[in-house]
Each structure stands twice: as structure tokens, then as C-alpha cells.
Amino acid sequence: MYQGADLESRLNWKIRQIEANSQDEKLDKYLAANEVHLVIRDLFLSGPDVFRRAADSVGLVEESSRSDAELVSDITWKLGFPLDLDDRGAADLRENANSLREAASEFSHYGQEQQRILRSLSPNLFVSLEETLDRALVFACWLTAVDQWMGKPRFTFFRDEARRDTARILSSYSARKGDAVTFNGDGVNTLFPLISGFGLLASYLESEADQPDKYQRAQSDIPEAFGESDLIAFGYQSKLPFLNCSTESRRRLIQELRAVSRELSNGGISAVRNSLEHHKGSFPSQEEILNCIDAITRVCDLLEGFGILPMVFRLSSFTRDSEGRAVYTYEDYSGRVVRIPVPSSVVVTGGPSWNQNQIIVSGLVAGGSNWVPRFIPGVRSEFTEMWQDWPRPRTLSENFLQTPEVSGGEGESAMETAGPSDA
């Protein structure tokens, strides 16, 4: 990818600070010291020429409308590495916010040179802010307003599809309210719809929660096993997932969604960005910049703490007591711990296995139980489309079962009389 004098000099510049005897040794040290996601971001997405070579080499197409984070995930998967779409939560946003905070705090007065430094740091902050808000809003809407039980496969979060659902739901609801907020299903959204979207989603959920009968799942769509015992309940009685959560969980979620919009609006995010990046109005004061960064930091805490921002958790431990009660403990990138006790009085089939990397929404719980939503990070490709329905169970027709060659004694079917070698 870096063949040619110009591209090779660009690569050498990127690894210039690594101490080694040769460029090859520097590159080896760089690759050994960094996570694959960071290597792909820094080396493959360094410019359109290098990216085009990388995309062609792995067979990546239709990439023009995708964000950097999604391109990194796509290339990671194409290269055969584990696909963790949301491995770092809001870590990049926090790092960019801290970089701007350090620079803004260093001086009490901003001359031309200080303004240049601050303006050079602001694009990274606001690009990562838009990406983080987009991921959180899309996941929050999919989590609460899209029927994951009917998804194919179930309980698998496909971000591109969820983004289109989010744009449809929020744009339609905004139009009904008479607001002029439009969401782009391709992910090209400015800060205004992203900031206002969380409060809008809260209002949408409240309005739909007043019509529970509208979303009641038909009894025929509920697995029969749940009608055979009063000890367990099906966790997705409503086709609106928001209504499957406890009353307290729903109340807290509405508060969190509105708090995100409120923090970002009151923090002067748009005004500071316009001044730093678009030179609109006077240059912001230190207080205005720090207030903006503080608001972003609080939003990161809200999104990650509740689970609105989808983050991958890994199983770290498992314990079981003498009564058969177990606890699965998971950790995210920052060491945040989520403990899930089992068994639960609410059961949902089709979710991730216990030892699988998964998205966990620790802020929500089903009513009268300890069940929390868990999802599989998904990606669409020709390979996954080809095999999504496999392994496929064998279906035998009634006529076939009734033929003398395969039927057993009176009242028996071939499926009941067949031994292991016949199945």
C-alpha cells in the first residue's frame, strides 16, 4: 500500500519516533505495540490513495458514505480479526476532549499562536463527538423502538440498518410534531439533529408508551414453552422493546436521554465549534471552551454509564454457588464491570452466548427480574448473508411421515421411532 517514493516517505514519517536500526524494524515494532484497530485507522485511512489500495486489496466496496469507525470495522473483519464494533466506547472522544482541555488551560489569554493551536485541535474533538453521538442515538433508538425479536438474526445490532430505522422513526415523529428536524439515514448528520435527537427520542417513547395495546405481541408469535410454566416469562411481550423494561428503568432512560440533549445544548457546543472551526463570531474565552469540554465529558459519562452507547463487554469471570445460582462478570475497555446473575424469571432466547463478546445495556432491566438486554455486534457481508439461515433444521412433510417406508407402529412417526443412526 505504501509502495512508491511519496507514499514510502509518508509511512516513514508516521513511524519516525520509534527507535530502531531500520525502517523495517521500526514498522515491526509499531505493529507489535498497537492494537489492530489503531493500525488500520492510522495506516489505512491516512489518505484517499492509500485507502483505495487497502480497500481494493480486501475487496471493500461502497465505502464512500461510511464513517472512519465503520471502515475500520469493515477492514478488520475482512482481514479476519475479531469484529468488535464498539471496543473503545467514548475513549477517542475523551482523549480528544482532554487534549483540547490541556491546551485551553495552558493560557489565560489567547493570542494568534494560541488560537492557531486550539483551532488545530478542535476538528478531532468535534468529529469524534459527532461519531459518538451518532452511535449512541442510533443504538438507543434501535434498542427501544425496533423489535429485535423479529430481527434476522435476532438480537444482533447492525448499525447501518439501525441508522436507517432511526432516521425513519425520528424524522417521521419530528414531522408529526411540526419540528424541522430531519435525520439522514446514511449517517451524514450535523450536530443539531444529533443533539436534539436524544430529547426527541424520549418524547417519542413517552407518546408510544401510552398505547401499549398497539404493540402487544400476538400469542402465536410467542414460543409455546413459555405457556407451559408460570416460573418463567417471555421477555419480549411487547413489540416496542421500551415497554418490556421495568417502570423504573423506563423512567431513568427518559431522564438520561433528555439529560444528553440538555447538557450539550447548555454547554454551548455549537457556538464553540462555529467559532473555532468556522470563524463565526469572536474567539471563545477559556471559560466557554472549558464549559464545552465539561459538557462533553458529562455526556460521555451518561452514555457509557447507562449503556446507551453500545460497548463491547468481555467475559472476565464466572461463579456458581451450591444452589446452582451463577454470576457472569463482564468488563469493557475501561475496566467497567457488569455482573449478571442467573437464573432469571424472564427469559429471552436467541441472544448472545454467555462467553461471547457482547453489548450489554446495564441501565435497563425487565420488570420483576434481573434480566438485562444483551446483544451481538453484527456486520453484513456476502458471507454472512449466505450463511445466516444455517444450520437449517430439516422439515419433513406430513405426506412423507405417513408413508409405510418411514412410519413406525400405530400412533408413531418416523421421527419418534428412528434411532440415532437414522436421524
Protein backbone atom coordinates (compact mmCIF):
# COMPACT_ATOMS: atom_id res chain seq x y z
CA MET A 1 0.00 0.00 0.00
CA TYR A 2 2.90 2.34 0.63
CA GLN A 3 4.87 1.41 -2.47
CA GLY A 4 6.36 4.38 -4.27
CA ALA A 5 8.69 7.12 -3.07
CA ASP A 6 5.97 9.56 -1.98
CA LEU A 7 3.93 7.02 -0.04
CA GLU A 8 7.00 5.41 1.49
CA SER A 9 8.17 8.77 2.81
CA ARG A 10 4.70 9.27 4.34
CA LEU A 11 4.96 5.91 6.12
CA ASN A 12 8.47 6.73 7.35
CA TRP A 13 7.15 9.99 8.80
CA LYS A 14 4.41 8.18 10.69
CA ILE A 15 6.86 5.86 12.46
CA ARG A 16 9.71 8.36 12.79
CA GLN A 17 9.64 8.44 16.61
CA ILE A 18 10.14 4.69 17.03
CA GLU A 19 13.72 3.83 17.94
CA ALA A 20 15.17 1.10 15.72
CA ASN A 21 18.07 0.42 13.37
CA SER A 22 15.99 0.33 10.17
CA GLN A 23 12.61 1.33 8.79
CA ASP A 24 11.54 -2.32 8.63
CA GLU A 25 12.42 -2.77 12.29
CA LYS A 26 10.51 0.41 13.17
CA LEU A 27 7.46 -0.90 11.34
CA ASP A 28 7.70 -4.27 13.10
CA LYS A 29 7.84 -2.55 16.49
CA TYR A 30 4.90 -0.33 15.60
CA LEU A 31 2.75 -3.28 14.53
CA ALA A 32 3.65 -5.28 17.64
CA ALA A 33 2.90 -2.41 20.03
CA ASN A 34 -0.51 -1.29 18.74
CA GLU A 35 -3.99 -2.78 18.52
CA VAL A 36 -5.07 -3.84 15.05
CA HIS A 37 -7.91 -1.27 15.03
CA LEU A 38 -5.44 1.58 15.64
CA VAL A 39 -3.04 0.30 12.99
CA ILE A 40 -5.82 0.16 10.40
CA ARG A 41 -7.05 3.64 11.32
CA ASP A 42 -3.59 5.24 11.27
CA LEU A 43 -2.12 3.46 8.25
CA PHE A 44 -5.07 2.51 6.03
CA LEU A 45 -7.11 5.70 6.48
CA SER A 46 -4.20 8.12 6.09
CA GLY A 47 -5.37 9.39 2.70
CA PRO A 48 -7.55 8.51 -0.30
CA ASP A 49 -4.65 6.99 -2.25
CA VAL A 50 -3.57 4.58 0.49
CA PHE A 51 -7.15 3.80 1.45
CA ARG A 52 -8.07 2.95 -2.14
CA ARG A 53 -5.25 0.43 -2.30
CA ALA A 54 -6.27 -1.08 1.05
CA ALA A 55 -9.94 -1.26 0.07
CA ASP A 56 -9.14 -2.91 -3.25
CA SER A 57 -6.83 -5.45 -1.62
CA VAL A 58 -9.53 -6.67 0.81
CA GLY A 59 -12.47 -6.33 -1.59
CA LEU A 60 -14.19 -3.46 0.19
CA VAL A 61 -16.85 -1.65 -1.84
CA GLU A 62 -19.46 1.07 -1.28
CA GLU A 63 -17.34 2.76 1.35
CA SER A 64 -17.82 6.44 0.44
CA SER A 65 -20.68 7.14 2.88
CA ARG A 66 -19.23 5.22 5.83
CA SER A 67 -17.56 6.77 8.85
CA ASP A 68 -13.95 6.10 9.82
CA ALA A 69 -15.06 3.83 12.67
CA GLU A 70 -17.20 1.73 10.32
CA LEU A 71 -14.42 1.49 7.72
CA VAL A 72 -12.01 0.31 10.40
CA SER A 73 -14.52 -2.34 11.48
CA ASP A 74 -15.12 -3.47 7.90
CA ILE A 75 -11.41 -3.81 7.11
CA THR A 76 -10.77 -5.53 10.45
CA TRP A 77 -13.42 -8.13 9.64
CA LYS A 78 -12.18 -8.56 6.06
CA LEU A 79 -8.69 -9.30 7.40
CA GLY A 80 -10.09 -11.99 9.69
CA PHE A 81 -9.65 -10.28 13.05
CA PRO A 82 -12.41 -10.38 15.70
CA LEU A 83 -15.02 -7.76 14.92
CA ASP A 84 -15.67 -5.56 17.93
CA LEU A 85 -17.55 -2.59 16.52
CA ASP A 86 -17.60 -0.63 19.74
CA ASP A 87 -14.48 -1.75 21.50
CA ARG A 88 -13.48 1.62 22.95
CA GLY A 89 -16.78 3.30 23.76
CA ALA A 90 -16.20 7.05 24.05
CA ALA A 91 -12.44 6.67 24.63
CA ASP A 92 -11.43 8.59 21.48
CA LEU A 93 -13.82 11.41 22.32
CA ARG A 94 -12.47 11.62 25.87
CA GLU A 95 -8.87 11.71 24.60
CA ASN A 96 -9.63 14.50 22.14
CA ALA A 97 -11.52 16.45 24.81
CA ASN A 98 -8.57 16.14 27.20
CA SER A 99 -6.14 17.33 24.51
CA LEU A 100 -8.17 20.48 23.93
CA ARG A 101 -8.63 20.99 27.67
CA GLU A 102 -4.87 20.86 28.28
CA ALA A 103 -4.20 23.37 25.52
CA ALA A 104 -7.02 25.69 26.62
CA SER A 105 -5.91 25.59 30.26
CA GLU A 106 -2.30 26.44 29.48
CA PHE A 107 -3.02 30.10 28.70
CA SER A 108 -5.41 32.64 30.20
CA HIS A 109 -5.25 34.83 27.11
CA TYR A 110 -5.37 33.57 23.55
CA GLY A 111 -3.16 35.37 21.07
CA GLN A 112 -2.81 34.41 17.42
CA GLU A 113 -0.48 31.48 18.13
CA GLN A 114 -2.70 30.11 20.91
CA GLN A 115 -5.77 30.44 18.70
CA ARG A 116 -4.00 28.53 15.94
CA ILE A 117 -3.14 25.69 18.35
CA LEU A 118 -6.70 25.47 19.67
CA ARG A 119 -8.18 25.54 16.17
CA SER A 120 -5.84 22.74 15.10
CA LEU A 121 -7.15 20.52 17.93
CA SER A 122 -10.87 21.25 17.59
CA PRO A 123 -11.63 19.24 14.39
CA ASN A 124 -10.63 15.95 16.06
CA LEU A 125 -12.85 16.74 19.04
CA PHE A 126 -15.97 17.62 17.10
CA VAL A 127 -15.61 14.85 14.53
CA SER A 128 -15.33 12.29 17.35
CA LEU A 129 -18.26 13.98 19.12
CA GLU A 130 -20.46 13.58 16.03
CA GLU A 131 -19.39 9.94 15.63
CA THR A 132 -20.08 9.16 19.29
CA LEU A 133 -23.48 10.88 19.31
CA ASP A 134 -24.42 9.11 16.08
CA ARG A 135 -23.51 5.70 17.51
CA ALA A 136 -25.36 6.40 20.75
CA LEU A 137 -28.52 7.83 19.17
CA VAL A 138 -28.75 5.05 16.59
CA PHE A 139 -28.28 2.35 19.22
CA ALA A 140 -30.68 3.98 21.70
CA CYS A 141 -33.42 4.18 19.08
CA TRP A 142 -32.86 0.61 17.88
CA LEU A 143 -32.69 -0.62 21.47
CA THR A 144 -36.01 0.92 22.49
CA ALA A 145 -38.10 1.21 19.32
CA VAL A 146 -37.15 -1.64 16.95
CA ASP A 147 -38.44 -5.18 17.56
CA GLN A 148 -35.24 -7.22 17.96
CA TRP A 149 -37.22 -10.44 18.43
CA MET A 150 -38.24 -10.26 14.77
CA GLY A 151 -34.74 -9.38 13.56
CA LYS A 152 -32.75 -11.72 11.35
CA PRO A 153 -30.72 -12.87 13.15
CA ARG A 154 -32.34 -11.99 16.48
CA PHE A 155 -30.76 -9.57 18.93
CA THR A 156 -27.96 -8.64 16.54
CA PHE A 157 -27.11 -4.95 16.19
CA PHE A 158 -26.40 -3.94 12.58
CA ARG A 159 -25.51 -0.27 12.77
CA ASP A 160 -26.28 0.70 9.17
CA GLU A 161 -29.75 -0.83 9.29
CA ALA A 162 -30.38 0.65 12.72
CA ARG A 163 -29.37 4.09 11.45
CA ARG A 164 -31.94 3.90 8.67
CA ASP A 165 -34.60 2.85 11.20
CA THR A 166 -33.59 5.77 13.43
CA ALA A 167 -33.85 8.27 10.59
CA ARG A 168 -37.29 6.95 9.64
CA ILE A 169 -38.66 6.93 13.20
CA LEU A 170 -37.32 10.29 14.37
CA SER A 171 -37.89 12.19 11.11
CA SER A 172 -41.48 10.96 10.99
CA TYR A 173 -42.13 11.81 14.63
CA SER A 174 -40.48 15.22 14.26
CA ALA A 175 -42.70 15.99 11.26
CA ARG A 176 -45.82 14.99 13.20
CA LYS A 177 -44.83 17.40 15.95
CA GLY A 178 -44.22 20.18 13.45
CA ASP A 179 -40.48 20.36 14.14
CA ALA A 180 -37.96 20.98 11.39
CA VAL A 181 -35.52 18.21 12.37
CA THR A 182 -34.53 15.77 9.63
CA PHE A 183 -32.26 12.78 10.17
CA ASN A 184 -30.15 11.33 7.38
CA GLY A 185 -30.24 7.55 7.16
CA ASP A 186 -26.76 7.48 5.61
CA GLY A 187 -25.20 8.92 8.75
CA VAL A 188 -24.44 12.39 7.40
CA ASN A 189 -25.94 14.41 10.25
CA THR A 190 -24.80 17.69 11.76
CA LEU A 191 -24.59 18.41 15.46
CA PHE A 192 -28.06 19.98 15.63
CA PRO A 193 -30.13 16.85 14.83
CA LEU A 194 -27.73 14.70 16.84
CA ILE A 195 -28.01 16.89 19.93
CA SER A 196 -31.78 17.31 19.69
CA GLY A 197 -32.33 13.67 18.71
CA PHE A 198 -31.99 12.28 22.23
CA GLY A 199 -34.71 14.52 23.63
CA LEU A 200 -36.86 13.80 20.59
CA LEU A 201 -36.46 10.05 21.13
CA ALA A 202 -37.52 10.48 24.77
CA SER A 203 -40.71 12.25 23.68
CA TYR A 204 -41.42 9.60 21.05
CA LEU A 205 -41.07 6.77 23.57
CA GLU A 206 -43.35 8.52 26.06
CA SER A 207 -46.02 9.03 23.41
CA GLU A 208 -45.88 5.41 22.23
CA ALA A 209 -45.87 4.06 25.79
CA ASP A 210 -49.38 5.49 26.17
CA GLN A 211 -50.57 2.98 23.53
CA PRO A 212 -49.36 -0.40 24.88
CA ASP A 213 -52.12 -2.40 23.17
CA LYS A 214 -50.83 -1.19 19.81
CA TYR A 215 -47.61 -3.12 20.40
CA GLN A 216 -48.86 -6.25 22.18
CA ARG A 217 -47.29 -9.29 20.55
CA ALA A 218 -49.68 -11.92 19.21
CA GLN A 219 -49.77 -15.07 21.32
CA SER A 220 -48.95 -17.11 18.21
CA ASP A 221 -45.60 -15.29 17.96
CA ILE A 222 -44.55 -16.28 21.48
CA PRO A 223 -42.71 -19.62 21.90
CA GLU A 224 -45.06 -22.30 23.24
CA ALA A 225 -42.65 -23.22 26.03
CA PHE A 226 -43.49 -20.01 27.86
CA GLY A 227 -47.12 -21.06 28.18
CA GLU A 228 -46.25 -24.30 29.97
CA SER A 229 -44.87 -22.82 33.20
CA ASP A 230 -45.60 -19.90 35.50
CA LEU A 231 -41.99 -19.85 36.69
CA ILE A 232 -40.60 -18.08 33.64
CA ALA A 233 -41.95 -15.26 31.48
CA PHE A 234 -41.15 -14.31 27.90
CA GLY A 235 -39.09 -11.12 27.93
CA TYR A 236 -40.47 -9.60 24.72
CA GLN A 237 -44.23 -9.49 25.23
CA SER A 238 -44.32 -6.07 23.55
CA LYS A 239 -43.09 -5.31 20.04
CA LEU A 240 -41.88 -1.97 21.39
CA PRO A 241 -38.81 -3.03 23.43
CA PHE A 242 -39.11 0.05 25.65
CA LEU A 243 -42.31 -1.41 27.13
CA ASN A 244 -40.58 -4.67 28.09
CA CYS A 245 -38.43 -2.82 30.63
CA SER A 246 -39.39 -2.08 34.22
CA THR A 247 -41.19 1.16 35.04
CA GLU A 248 -38.14 2.45 36.93
CA SER A 249 -35.80 1.58 34.03
CA ARG A 250 -38.03 3.42 31.59
CA ARG A 251 -38.17 6.49 33.83
CA ARG A 252 -34.38 6.57 34.17
CA LEU A 253 -33.85 6.10 30.44
CA ILE A 254 -36.12 9.04 29.61
CA GLN A 255 -34.17 11.15 32.10
CA GLU A 256 -30.84 10.10 30.58
CA LEU A 257 -31.93 10.85 27.02
CA ARG A 258 -33.16 14.31 27.93
CA ALA A 259 -30.04 14.96 30.01
CA VAL A 260 -27.82 14.32 26.97
CA SER A 261 -29.66 16.91 24.85
CA ARG A 262 -29.77 19.36 27.76
CA GLU A 263 -26.06 19.07 28.62
CA LEU A 264 -24.96 19.60 25.03
CA SER A 265 -27.37 22.49 24.46
CA ASN A 266 -26.46 24.29 27.69
CA GLY A 267 -22.75 23.63 27.18
CA GLY A 268 -22.58 25.90 24.15
CA ILE A 269 -21.22 23.12 21.95
CA SER A 270 -22.45 24.53 18.64
CA ALA A 271 -21.31 28.09 19.43
CA VAL A 272 -17.80 27.00 20.42
CA ARG A 273 -17.48 24.80 17.35
CA ASN A 274 -18.67 27.52 14.99
CA SER A 275 -16.17 29.93 16.47
CA LEU A 276 -13.22 27.54 16.45
CA GLU A 277 -13.78 25.84 13.11
CA HIS A 278 -15.84 28.27 11.06
CA HIS A 279 -14.51 31.57 12.46
CA LYS A 280 -18.03 32.74 13.23
CA GLY A 281 -18.21 35.42 15.92
CA SER A 282 -15.44 36.23 18.36
CA PHE A 283 -12.93 33.64 19.52
CA PRO A 284 -14.34 31.78 22.56
CA SER A 285 -12.98 32.52 26.00
CA GLN A 286 -11.22 29.96 28.15
CA GLU A 287 -14.36 29.62 30.28
CA GLU A 288 -16.53 28.93 27.22
CA ILE A 289 -14.13 26.29 25.89
CA LEU A 290 -13.82 24.55 29.25
CA ASN A 291 -17.61 24.62 29.77
CA CYS A 292 -17.99 22.98 26.37
CA ILE A 293 -15.46 20.28 27.24
CA ASP A 294 -17.06 19.69 30.66
CA ALA A 295 -20.44 19.16 28.99
CA ILE A 296 -18.93 16.66 26.55
CA THR A 297 -17.27 14.77 29.41
CA ARG A 298 -20.53 14.57 31.36
CA VAL A 299 -22.31 13.27 28.26
CA CYS A 300 -19.63 10.58 27.85
CA ASP A 301 -20.31 9.51 31.45
CA LEU A 302 -24.06 9.41 30.82
CA LEU A 303 -23.85 7.43 27.59
CA GLU A 304 -21.34 4.87 28.83
CA GLY A 305 -22.71 4.57 32.35
CA PHE A 306 -26.26 3.71 31.30
CA GLY A 307 -25.29 1.68 28.24
CA ILE A 308 -26.87 3.97 25.63
CA LEU A 309 -23.53 4.00 23.82
CA PRO A 310 -23.02 0.43 22.56
CA MET A 311 -19.84 -1.03 24.02
CA VAL A 312 -18.37 -4.49 23.76
CA PHE A 313 -18.05 -6.37 27.05
CA ARG A 314 -15.88 -9.45 27.51
CA LEU A 315 -16.47 -12.24 29.99
CA SER A 316 -13.95 -11.93 32.82
CA SER A 317 -15.22 -14.46 35.38
CA PHE A 318 -17.95 -16.96 36.20
CA THR A 319 -19.03 -18.25 39.61
CA ARG A 320 -21.68 -20.74 40.74
CA ASP A 321 -22.84 -21.47 44.29
CA SER A 322 -24.07 -24.72 45.81
CA GLU A 323 -27.68 -23.81 44.97
CA GLY A 324 -26.89 -23.57 41.27
CA ARG A 325 -27.09 -19.77 41.16
CA ALA A 326 -24.46 -18.27 38.88
CA VAL A 327 -22.96 -14.85 38.22
CA TYR A 328 -21.34 -13.88 34.93
CA THR A 329 -18.97 -10.91 35.20
CA TYR A 330 -18.07 -8.81 32.17
CA GLU A 331 -15.66 -5.90 31.62
CA ASP A 332 -15.48 -3.19 28.96
CA TYR A 333 -12.42 -1.36 27.59
CA SER A 334 -12.14 0.88 30.66
CA GLY A 335 -12.47 -1.89 33.25
CA ARG A 336 -16.13 -1.06 33.95
CA VAL A 337 -17.75 -4.20 35.39
CA VAL A 338 -21.25 -5.59 34.79
CA ARG A 339 -22.43 -8.61 36.79
CA ILE A 340 -25.35 -10.67 35.51
CA PRO A 341 -26.93 -13.17 37.93
CA VAL A 342 -28.76 -16.23 36.63
CA PRO A 343 -31.26 -17.76 36.51
CA SER A 344 -33.83 -15.08 35.81
CA SER A 345 -37.62 -15.18 35.92
CA VAL A 346 -37.60 -13.51 32.49
CA VAL A 347 -36.10 -15.44 29.60
CA VAL A 348 -35.26 -14.39 26.04
CA THR A 349 -33.94 -16.90 23.51
CA GLY A 350 -31.73 -16.10 20.55
CA GLY A 351 -29.32 -13.69 22.23
CA PRO A 352 -25.54 -13.97 22.59
CA SER A 353 -24.00 -16.93 24.36
CA TRP A 354 -22.55 -16.22 27.80
CA ASN A 355 -18.91 -16.48 26.71
CA GLN A 356 -19.36 -14.32 23.61
CA ASN A 357 -18.20 -10.71 23.33
CA GLN A 358 -21.43 -8.72 23.54
CA ILE A 359 -23.14 -5.37 24.00
CA ILE A 360 -24.72 -5.05 27.46
CA VAL A 361 -27.18 -2.33 28.48
CA SER A 362 -26.68 -2.28 32.24
CA GLY A 363 -29.11 0.60 32.83
CA LEU A 364 -32.17 -1.37 31.72
CA VAL A 365 -33.84 -4.33 33.37
CA ALA A 366 -37.04 -6.25 32.69
CA GLY A 367 -39.86 -5.73 35.15
CA GLY A 368 -39.76 -8.03 38.19
CA SER A 369 -36.48 -9.70 37.19
CA ASN A 370 -32.72 -9.30 36.93
CA TRP A 371 -32.64 -9.73 33.14
CA VAL A 372 -30.67 -7.04 31.27
CA PRO A 373 -30.60 -6.60 27.48
CA ARG A 374 -27.63 -8.24 25.75
CA PHE A 375 -26.88 -8.06 22.02
CA ILE A 376 -24.49 -9.38 19.41
CA PRO A 377 -22.39 -6.82 17.44
CA GLY A 378 -23.24 -7.60 13.82
CA VAL A 379 -21.92 -6.89 10.34
CA ARG A 380 -23.48 -7.55 6.96
CA SER A 381 -21.44 -9.11 4.18
CA GLU A 382 -21.91 -11.54 1.31
CA PHE A 383 -20.54 -14.27 3.59
CA THR A 384 -22.93 -13.62 6.48
CA GLU A 385 -25.88 -13.25 4.10
CA MET A 386 -25.06 -16.61 2.52
CA TRP A 387 -24.96 -18.48 5.85
CA GLN A 388 -27.40 -16.55 8.03
CA ASP A 389 -30.07 -19.30 7.96
CA TRP A 390 -27.69 -22.17 8.66
CA PRO A 391 -27.67 -24.65 10.24
CA ARG A 392 -31.15 -25.14 8.84
CA PRO A 393 -33.44 -27.69 10.57
CA ARG A 394 -34.80 -30.44 8.37
CA THR A 395 -38.53 -30.20 7.71
CA LEU A 396 -40.44 -33.34 6.72
CA SER A 397 -43.81 -33.10 5.03
CA GLU A 398 -46.87 -34.77 6.57
CA ASN A 399 -47.27 -36.99 3.50
CA PHE A 400 -43.69 -38.19 3.84
CA LEU A 401 -44.16 -39.07 7.50
CA GLN A 402 -47.27 -41.14 6.71
CA THR A 403 -45.69 -43.37 4.07
CA PRO A 404 -45.23 -47.06 5.10
CA GLU A 405 -41.48 -46.91 4.46
CA VAL A 406 -40.91 -44.34 7.19
CA SER A 407 -43.83 -44.78 9.59
CA GLY A 408 -43.49 -46.87 12.73
CA GLY A 409 -46.15 -48.72 14.70
CA GLU A 410 -49.62 -47.43 15.38
CA GLY A 411 -49.55 -43.85 16.59
CA GLU A 412 -45.81 -43.44 15.96
CA SER A 413 -43.98 -41.37 13.39
CA ALA A 414 -40.59 -41.84 11.80
CA MET A 415 -39.18 -39.07 13.95
CA GLU A 416 -40.29 -40.94 17.11
CA THR A 417 -39.07 -44.42 16.11
CA ALA A 418 -35.81 -43.55 14.39
CA GLY A 419 -32.59 -44.41 16.22
CA PRO A 420 -29.53 -42.15 16.31
CA SER A 421 -28.16 -43.55 13.06
CA ASP A 422 -31.43 -42.84 11.26
CA ALA A 423 -31.83 -39.22 12.32
